[in-house]
PDB file of N, CA and C in Angstrom:
ATOM      1  N   MET A   1      -5.567  10.536  11.461  1.00  0.00           N
ATOM      2  CA  MET A   1      -6.089   9.214  11.294  1.00  0.00           C
ATOM      3  C   MET A   1      -4.974   8.204  11.527  1.00  0.00           C
ATOM      4  N   ALA A   2      -4.227   7.846  10.495  1.00  0.00           N
ATOM      5  CA  ALA A   2      -3.191   6.827  10.635  1.00  0.00           C
ATOM      6  C   ALA A   2      -1.906   7.434  11.191  1.00  0.00           C
ATOM      7  N   ASP A   3      -1.282   6.718  12.100  1.00  0.00           N
ATOM      8  CA  ASP A   3      -0.037   7.180  12.702  1.00  0.00           C
ATOM      9  C   ASP A   3       1.194   6.741  11.913  1.00  0.00           C
ATOM     10  N   LEU A   4       1.019   5.780  11.020  1.00  0.00           N
ATOM     11  CA  LEU A   4       2.150   5.247  10.279  1.00  0.00           C
ATOM     12  C   LEU A   4       2.613   6.267   9.246  1.00  0.00           C
ATOM     13  N   THR A   5       3.828   6.736   9.425  1.00  0.00           N
ATOM     14  CA  THR A   5       4.385   7.696   8.465  1.00  0.00           C
ATOM     15  C   THR A   5       4.946   6.937   7.270  1.00  0.00           C
ATOM     16  N   PRO A   6       5.086   7.601   6.148  1.00  0.00           N
ATOM     17  CA  PRO A   6       5.695   6.935   4.988  1.00  0.00           C
ATOM     18  C   PRO A   6       7.096   6.409   5.300  1.00  0.00           C
ATOM     19  N   GLU A   7       7.822   7.131   6.136  1.00  0.00           N
ATOM     20  CA  GLU A   7       9.166   6.680   6.502  1.00  0.00           C
ATOM     21  C   GLU A   7       9.109   5.376   7.294  1.00  0.00           C
ATOM     22  N   ARG A   8       8.179   5.288   8.250  1.00  0.00           N
ATOM     23  CA  ARG A   8       8.046   4.073   9.060  1.00  0.00           C
ATOM     24  C   ARG A   8       7.599   2.906   8.187  1.00  0.00           C
ATOM     25  N   LEU A   9       6.674   3.155   7.288  1.00  0.00           N
ATOM     26  CA  LEU A   9       6.218   2.110   6.394  1.00  0.00           C
ATOM     27  C   LEU A   9       7.372   1.601   5.528  1.00  0.00           C
ATOM     28  N   SER A  10       8.220   2.487   5.072  1.00  0.00           N
ATOM     29  CA  SER A  10       9.395   2.106   4.290  1.00  0.00           C
ATOM     30  C   SER A  10      10.344   1.245   5.129  1.00  0.00           C
ATOM     31  N   GLU A  11      10.541   1.628   6.392  1.00  0.00           N
ATOM     32  CA  GLU A  11      11.391   0.838   7.289  1.00  0.00           C
ATOM     33  C   GLU A  11      10.830  -0.564   7.457  1.00  0.00           C
ATOM     34  N   ILE A  12       9.521  -0.663   7.629  1.00  0.00           N
ATOM     35  CA  ILE A  12       8.878  -1.961   7.820  1.00  0.00           C
ATOM     36  C   ILE A  12       9.038  -2.813   6.565  1.00  0.00           C
ATOM     37  N   ARG A  13       8.836  -2.204   5.413  1.00  0.00           N
ATOM     38  CA  ARG A  13       8.964  -2.946   4.159  1.00  0.00           C
ATOM     39  C   ARG A  13      10.386  -3.430   3.922  1.00  0.00           C
ATOM     40  N   SER A  14      11.362  -2.748   4.482  1.00  0.00           N
ATOM     41  CA  SER A  14      12.755  -3.131   4.260  1.00  0.00           C
ATOM     42  C   SER A  14      13.226  -4.233   5.208  1.00  0.00           C
ATOM     43  N   LEU A  15      12.401  -4.614   6.181  1.00  0.00           N
ATOM     44  CA  LEU A  15      12.795  -5.679   7.101  1.00  0.00           C
ATOM     45  C   LEU A  15      12.936  -6.991   6.349  1.00  0.00           C
ATOM     46  N   ALA A  16      14.004  -7.674   6.594  1.00  0.00           N
ATOM     47  CA  ALA A  16      14.266  -8.968   5.959  1.00  0.00           C
ATOM     48  C   ALA A  16      13.979 -10.082   6.958  1.00  0.00           C
ATOM     49  N   PRO A  17      13.808 -11.297   6.460  1.00  0.00           N
ATOM     50  CA  PRO A  17      13.565 -12.423   7.391  1.00  0.00           C
ATOM     51  C   PRO A  17      14.671 -12.579   8.440  1.00  0.00           C
ATOM     52  N   THR A  18      15.838 -12.070   8.153  1.00  0.00           N
ATOM     53  CA  THR A  18      16.948 -12.192   9.103  1.00  0.00           C
ATOM     54  C   THR A  18      17.039 -10.992  10.055  1.00  0.00           C
ATOM     55  N   SER A  19      16.078 -10.088   9.967  1.00  0.00           N
ATOM     56  CA  SER A  19      16.088  -8.902  10.826  1.00  0.00           C
ATOM     57  C   SER A  19      15.883  -9.294  12.283  1.00  0.00           C
ATOM     58  N   ASP A  20      16.238  -8.373  13.154  1.00  0.00           N
ATOM     59  CA  ASP A  20      16.083  -8.579  14.599  1.00  0.00           C
ATOM     60  C   ASP A  20      14.614  -8.836  14.927  1.00  0.00           C
ATOM     61  N   PRO A  21      14.304  -9.919  15.638  1.00  0.00           N
ATOM     62  CA  PRO A  21      12.911 -10.222  15.988  1.00  0.00           C
ATOM     63  C   PRO A  21      12.219  -9.087  16.745  1.00  0.00           C
ATOM     64  N   ILE A  22      12.955  -8.344  17.535  1.00  0.00           N
ATOM     65  CA  ILE A  22      12.354  -7.230  18.272  1.00  0.00           C
ATOM     66  C   ILE A  22      11.886  -6.152  17.295  1.00  0.00           C
ATOM     67  N   ASP A  23      12.690  -5.876  16.273  1.00  0.00           N
ATOM     68  CA  ASP A  23      12.285  -4.903  15.249  1.00  0.00           C
ATOM     69  C   ASP A  23      11.057  -5.404  14.483  1.00  0.00           C
ATOM     70  N   CYS A  24      11.044  -6.697  14.190  1.00  0.00           N
ATOM     71  CA  CYS A  24       9.909  -7.274  13.470  1.00  0.00           C
ATOM     72  C   CYS A  24       8.638  -7.200  14.318  1.00  0.00           C
ATOM     73  N   TRP A  25       8.764  -7.494  15.608  1.00  0.00           N
ATOM     74  CA  TRP A  25       7.602  -7.433  16.493  1.00  0.00           C
ATOM     75  C   TRP A  25       7.082  -5.997  16.601  1.00  0.00           C
ATOM     76  N   ALA A  26       7.973  -5.044  16.705  1.00  0.00           N
ATOM     77  CA  ALA A  26       7.566  -3.636  16.755  1.00  0.00           C
ATOM     78  C   ALA A  26       6.847  -3.255  15.461  1.00  0.00           C
ATOM     79  N   ALA A  27       7.334  -3.752  14.338  1.00  0.00           N
ATOM     80  CA  ALA A  27       6.695  -3.464  13.054  1.00  0.00           C
ATOM     81  C   ALA A  27       5.291  -4.047  12.998  1.00  0.00           C
ATOM     82  N   VAL A  28       5.143  -5.284  13.480  1.00  0.00           N
ATOM     83  CA  VAL A  28       3.819  -5.914  13.498  1.00  0.00           C
ATOM     84  C   VAL A  28       2.868  -5.110  14.380  1.00  0.00           C
ATOM     85  N   GLN A  29       3.337  -4.680  15.534  1.00  0.00           N
ATOM     86  CA  GLN A  29       2.494  -3.880  16.428  1.00  0.00           C
ATOM     87  C   GLN A  29       2.084  -2.566  15.765  1.00  0.00           C
ATOM     88  N   ASP A  30       3.011  -1.910  15.079  1.00  0.00           N
ATOM     89  CA  ASP A  30       2.692  -0.667  14.372  1.00  0.00           C
ATOM     90  C   ASP A  30       1.641  -0.895  13.291  1.00  0.00           C
ATOM     91  N   LEU A  31       1.806  -1.970  12.534  1.00  0.00           N
ATOM     92  CA  LEU A  31       0.844  -2.276  11.472  1.00  0.00           C
ATOM     93  C   LEU A  31      -0.535  -2.600  12.030  1.00  0.00           C
ATOM     94  N   LEU A  32      -0.586  -3.356  13.119  1.00  0.00           N
ATOM     95  CA  LEU A  32      -1.878  -3.688  13.720  1.00  0.00           C
ATOM     96  C   LEU A  32      -2.564  -2.454  14.302  1.00  0.00           C
ATOM     97  N   ARG A  33      -1.783  -1.577  14.915  1.00  0.00           N
ATOM     98  CA  ARG A  33      -2.343  -0.342  15.465  1.00  0.00           C
ATOM     99  C   ARG A  33      -2.895   0.532  14.327  1.00  0.00           C
ATOM    100  N   ASP A  34      -2.154   0.612  13.235  1.00  0.00           N
ATOM    101  CA  ASP A  34      -2.594   1.397  12.086  1.00  0.00           C
ATOM    102  C   ASP A  34      -3.863   0.799  11.489  1.00  0.00           C
ATOM    103  N   ARG A  35      -3.908  -0.534  11.399  1.00  0.00           N
ATOM    104  CA  ARG A  35      -5.091  -1.195  10.867  1.00  0.00           C
ATOM    105  C   ARG A  35      -6.311  -0.903  11.738  1.00  0.00           C
ATOM    106  N   GLU A  36      -6.121  -0.976  13.052  1.00  0.00           N
ATOM    107  CA  GLU A  36      -7.227  -0.714  13.979  1.00  0.00           C
ATOM    108  C   GLU A  36      -7.777   0.694  13.786  1.00  0.00           C
ATOM    109  N   GLN A  37      -6.887   1.658  13.615  1.00  0.00           N
ATOM    110  CA  GLN A  37      -7.323   3.036  13.400  1.00  0.00           C
ATOM    111  C   GLN A  37      -8.080   3.179  12.080  1.00  0.00           C
ATOM    112  N   LEU A  38      -7.627   2.479  11.051  1.00  0.00           N
ATOM    113  CA  LEU A  38      -8.301   2.540   9.755  1.00  0.00           C
ATOM    114  C   LEU A  38      -9.680   1.889   9.817  1.00  0.00           C
ATOM    115  N   VAL A  39      -9.809   0.783  10.544  1.00  0.00           N
ATOM    116  CA  VAL A  39     -11.099   0.121  10.691  1.00  0.00           C
ATOM    117  C   VAL A  39     -12.078   1.048  11.415  1.00  0.00           C
ATOM    118  N   LYS A  40     -11.620   1.703  12.474  1.00  0.00           N
ATOM    119  CA  LYS A  40     -12.478   2.638  13.215  1.00  0.00           C
ATOM    120  C   LYS A  40     -12.898   3.809  12.333  1.00  0.00           C
ATOM    121  N   ALA A  41     -11.963   4.341  11.560  1.00  0.00           N
ATOM    122  CA  ALA A  41     -12.278   5.466  10.678  1.00  0.00           C
ATOM    123  C   ALA A  41     -13.277   5.035   9.604  1.00  0.00           C
ATOM    124  N   ASN A  42     -13.133   3.826   9.087  1.00  0.00           N
ATOM    125  CA  ASN A  42     -14.054   3.327   8.071  1.00  0.00           C
ATOM    126  C   ASN A  42     -15.455   3.157   8.655  1.00  0.00           C
ATOM    127  N   ALA A  43     -15.550   2.634   9.856  1.00  0.00           N
ATOM    128  CA  ALA A  43     -16.849   2.456  10.513  1.00  0.00           C
ATOM    129  C   ALA A  43     -17.518   3.803  10.752  1.00  0.00           C
ATOM    130  N   SER A  44     -16.724   4.776  11.165  1.00  0.00           N
ATOM    131  CA  SER A  44     -17.262   6.118  11.398  1.00  0.00           C
ATOM    132  C   SER A  44     -17.765   6.730  10.099  1.00  0.00           C
ATOM    133  N   ALA A  45     -17.001   6.578   9.035  1.00  0.00           N
ATOM    134  CA  ALA A  45     -17.412   7.119   7.733  1.00  0.00           C
ATOM    135  C   ALA A  45     -18.685   6.434   7.240  1.00  0.00           C
ATOM    136  N   ALA A  46     -18.782   5.121   7.445  1.00  0.00           N
ATOM    137  CA  ALA A  46     -19.974   4.382   7.020  1.00  0.00           C
ATOM    138  C   ALA A  46     -21.205   4.857   7.798  1.00  0.00           C
ATOM    139  N   GLU A  47     -21.023   5.096   9.092  1.00  0.00           N
ATOM    140  CA  GLU A  47     -22.148   5.582   9.905  1.00  0.00           C
ATOM    141  C   GLU A  47     -22.576   6.976   9.461  1.00  0.00           C
ATOM    142  N   GLU A  48     -21.617   7.841   9.192  1.00  0.00           N
ATOM    143  CA  GLU A  48     -21.941   9.189   8.719  1.00  0.00           C
ATOM    144  C   GLU A  48     -22.669   9.136   7.383  1.00  0.00           C
ATOM    145  N   LEU A  49     -22.224   8.276   6.489  1.00  0.00           N
ATOM    146  CA  LEU A  49     -22.869   8.148   5.187  1.00  0.00           C
ATOM    147  C   LEU A  49     -24.289   7.620   5.338  1.00  0.00           C
ATOM    148  N   ALA A  50     -24.471   6.626   6.211  1.00  0.00           N
ATOM    149  CA  ALA A  50     -25.804   6.074   6.432  1.00  0.00           C
ATOM    150  C   ALA A  50     -26.731   7.127   7.025  1.00  0.00           C
ATOM    151  N   THR A  51     -26.228   7.934   7.921  1.00  0.00           N
ATOM    152  CA  THR A  51     -27.027   9.012   8.509  1.00  0.00           C
ATOM    153  C   THR A  51     -27.371  10.053   7.437  1.00  0.00           C
ATOM    154  N   TRP A  52     -26.404  10.400   6.633  1.00  0.00           N
ATOM    155  CA  TRP A  52     -26.592  11.413   5.598  1.00  0.00           C
ATOM    156  C   TRP A  52     -27.596  10.969   4.545  1.00  0.00           C
ATOM    157  N   THR A  53     -27.566   9.670   4.186  1.00  0.00           N
ATOM    158  CA  THR A  53     -28.476   9.167   3.155  1.00  0.00           C
ATOM    159  C   THR A  53     -29.846   8.799   3.725  1.00  0.00           C
ATOM    160  N   GLY A  54     -29.990   8.822   5.034  1.00  0.00           N
ATOM    161  CA  GLY A  54     -31.257   8.507   5.656  1.00  0.00           C
ATOM    162  C   GLY A  54     -31.431   7.029   5.965  1.00  0.00           C
ATOM    163  N   ALA A  55     -30.414   6.232   5.689  1.00  0.00           N
ATOM    164  CA  ALA A  55     -30.492   4.805   5.959  1.00  0.00           C
ATOM    165  C   ALA A  55     -30.429   4.514   7.451  1.00  0.00           C
ATOM    166  N   LEU A  56     -29.880   5.441   8.200  1.00  0.00           N
ATOM    167  CA  LEU A  56     -29.754   5.267   9.637  1.00  0.00           C
ATOM    168  C   LEU A  56     -30.454   6.436  10.312  1.00  0.00           C
ATOM    169  N   ARG A  57     -31.460   6.129  11.094  1.00  0.00           N
ATOM    170  CA  ARG A  57     -32.218   7.204  11.757  1.00  0.00           C
ATOM    171  C   ARG A  57     -32.260   7.016  13.238  1.00  0.00           C
TER     172      ARG A  57
END
C-alpha cells in the first residue's frame, strides 16, 4: 500500500525550515504520493464494504 517507510517519514519530520529546498520538495512529493495511494486504498475498501453489505449492486 504505502511506499513511505518509517525511516523516510522520520527524515521528512526532521527537515527544518532551513533545510535544502530540493530535499523539502522531494519530501512534499513523497508525502503527496503516499497520500494518493492511501486515498485510492480507502476508496477500494469502501467499495468492497459497500458490495459486501449489499449497498452496492
